[in-house]
Amino acid sequence: MHKISKILFFAYVALVFYLTLLPQENFTELSTFRGFELFFKIENFDKLVHFGMFGLMTILLFWSYKISNLRLIYIPFLISLFIEILQGTITILHRGADFVDLMANLSGITISYILITVYIKNKKTQQI
């Protein structure tokens, strides 16, 4: 099970890289599909998606590696920062680095870290 959780974590990170490095045109096309157009009309919906993607990444990192110190924040944040740098430098993507995306990612990471910390403390008090 432990090996599967690590594979799941890396598969998820690969999926996040894939989705965040898709050319901008792909999202424009997606917005025309019935059922998806509502999400593209919500202002800043992509920030909620960023929050969720990196929050889930943090939870999967904890589940896979049992990391409970600040590395649980650093690792997803560095991945997020690297993605934003790639978005800003690979011009064929027609995307750009966005500080607000980075903050949405960090918010998801931080909330997940807080929830994991509370979970660990509650688990320890139940064992006593």
Protein backbone atom coordinates (compact mmCIF):
# COMPACT_ATOMS: atom_id res chain seq x y z
CA MET A 1 0.00 0.00 0.00
CA HIS A 2 2.85 2.38 0.84
CA LYS A 3 4.38 1.96 -2.63
CA ILE A 4 1.00 2.56 -4.26
CA SER A 5 0.54 5.81 -2.36
CA LYS A 6 3.92 7.06 -3.59
CA ILE A 7 3.03 6.14 -7.17
CA LEU A 8 -0.30 7.92 -6.74
CA PHE A 9 1.46 11.04 -5.45
CA PHE A 10 3.86 11.19 -8.41
CA ALA A 11 1.06 10.45 -10.88
CA TYR A 12 -0.92 13.31 -9.37
CA VAL A 13 2.08 15.67 -9.59
CA ALA A 14 2.51 14.67 -13.25
CA LEU A 15 -1.19 15.37 -13.86
CA VAL A 16 -0.86 18.81 -12.25
CA PHE A 17 2.17 19.57 -14.45
CA TYR A 18 0.25 18.42 -17.52
CA LEU A 19 -2.85 20.47 -16.76
CA THR A 20 -1.01 23.61 -15.72
CA LEU A 21 1.27 23.54 -18.75
CA LEU A 22 -1.43 23.01 -21.35
CA PRO A 23 -1.56 25.84 -23.88
CA GLN A 24 -4.15 28.47 -23.00
CA GLU A 25 -6.14 27.64 -26.15
CA ASN A 26 -7.09 24.25 -24.68
CA PHE A 27 -8.99 25.96 -21.87
CA THR A 28 -10.72 28.27 -24.31
CA GLU A 29 -11.94 25.19 -26.23
CA LEU A 30 -13.00 23.49 -22.99
CA SER A 31 -15.17 26.46 -22.08
CA THR A 32 -17.36 25.75 -25.14
CA PHE A 33 -18.37 22.25 -23.94
CA ARG A 34 -21.86 22.03 -22.50
CA GLY A 35 -21.69 21.74 -18.74
CA PHE A 36 -18.29 23.39 -18.45
CA GLU A 37 -19.30 26.84 -19.62
CA LEU A 38 -20.77 27.68 -16.19
CA PHE A 39 -17.38 27.23 -14.48
CA PHE A 40 -15.69 29.55 -16.95
CA LYS A 41 -18.25 32.27 -16.23
CA ILE A 42 -17.42 32.32 -12.50
CA GLU A 43 -14.91 35.08 -11.88
CA ASN A 44 -11.56 33.75 -10.64
CA PHE A 45 -12.79 30.15 -10.62
CA ASP A 46 -9.29 29.09 -11.69
CA LYS A 47 -7.95 30.32 -8.33
CA LEU A 48 -10.27 27.89 -6.54
CA VAL A 49 -8.97 25.14 -8.83
CA HIS A 50 -5.38 26.09 -7.94
CA PHE A 51 -6.28 26.06 -4.24
CA GLY A 52 -7.78 22.57 -4.55
CA MET A 53 -5.03 21.11 -6.73
CA PHE A 54 -2.23 22.08 -4.41
CA GLY A 55 -4.22 21.37 -1.25
CA LEU A 56 -4.79 17.82 -2.50
CA MET A 57 -1.12 17.54 -3.47
CA THR A 58 -0.15 18.41 0.12
CA ILE A 59 -2.52 15.79 1.52
CA LEU A 60 -1.19 13.14 -0.88
CA LEU A 61 2.38 14.06 0.08
CA PHE A 62 1.56 13.57 3.76
CA TRP A 63 -0.26 10.30 3.07
CA SER A 64 2.56 8.95 0.91
CA TYR A 65 5.61 10.01 2.91
CA LYS A 66 4.25 10.73 6.40
CA ILE A 67 5.97 14.13 6.34
CA SER A 68 4.56 16.37 9.04
CA ASN A 69 7.14 19.14 9.32
CA LEU A 70 7.55 22.26 7.21
CA ARG A 71 8.74 20.19 4.24
CA LEU A 72 5.04 19.48 3.80
CA ILE A 73 4.71 23.13 2.80
CA TYR A 74 8.05 23.61 1.01
CA ILE A 75 7.80 20.71 -1.44
CA PRO A 76 4.38 21.57 -2.96
CA PHE A 77 5.26 25.27 -2.93
CA LEU A 78 8.50 24.66 -4.83
CA ILE A 79 6.59 22.55 -7.36
CA SER A 80 4.09 25.40 -7.68
CA LEU A 81 6.84 27.98 -8.10
CA PHE A 82 8.55 25.85 -10.75
CA ILE A 83 5.29 25.53 -12.70
CA GLU A 84 4.74 29.30 -12.59
CA ILE A 85 8.29 29.90 -13.83
CA LEU A 86 7.72 27.43 -16.68
CA GLN A 87 4.44 29.13 -17.57
CA GLY A 88 6.25 32.45 -17.72
CA THR A 89 9.18 31.26 -19.81
CA ILE A 90 7.71 28.77 -22.31
CA THR A 91 6.14 31.20 -24.75
CA ILE A 92 4.40 28.61 -26.95
CA LEU A 93 2.01 27.90 -24.09
CA HIS A 94 0.54 31.41 -24.39
CA ARG A 95 0.43 31.49 -20.62
CA GLY A 96 2.13 33.67 -18.11
CA ALA A 97 3.46 33.43 -14.60
CA ASP A 98 0.81 34.69 -12.22
CA PHE A 99 1.58 35.77 -8.66
CA VAL A 100 -2.10 35.39 -7.70
CA ASP A 101 -2.04 31.75 -8.90
CA LEU A 102 1.02 31.21 -6.73
CA MET A 103 -0.81 32.67 -3.72
CA ALA A 104 -3.88 30.50 -4.41
CA ASN A 105 -1.57 27.47 -4.53
CA LEU A 106 0.09 28.50 -1.26
CA SER A 107 -3.32 29.01 0.35
CA GLY A 108 -4.37 25.47 -0.54
CA ILE A 109 -1.05 24.12 0.72
CA THR A 110 -1.32 26.06 3.99
CA ILE A 111 -4.92 25.06 4.73
CA SER A 112 -4.07 21.41 4.06
CA TYR A 113 -1.02 21.69 6.32
CA ILE A 114 -3.18 23.11 9.11
CA LEU A 115 -5.77 20.34 8.68
CA ILE A 116 -3.04 17.67 8.72
CA THR A 117 -1.50 19.20 11.85
CA VAL A 118 -4.89 19.15 13.62
CA TYR A 119 -5.43 15.55 12.45
CA ILE A 120 -2.05 14.48 13.86
CA LYS A 121 -2.69 16.20 17.21
CA ASN A 122 -6.15 14.62 17.50
CA LYS A 123 -4.74 11.21 16.62
CA LYS A 124 -2.05 11.56 19.31
CA THR A 125 -4.55 12.60 22.01
CA GLN A 126 -6.81 9.64 21.16
CA GLN A 127 -3.88 7.23 21.65
CA ILE A 128 -3.24 8.43 25.20
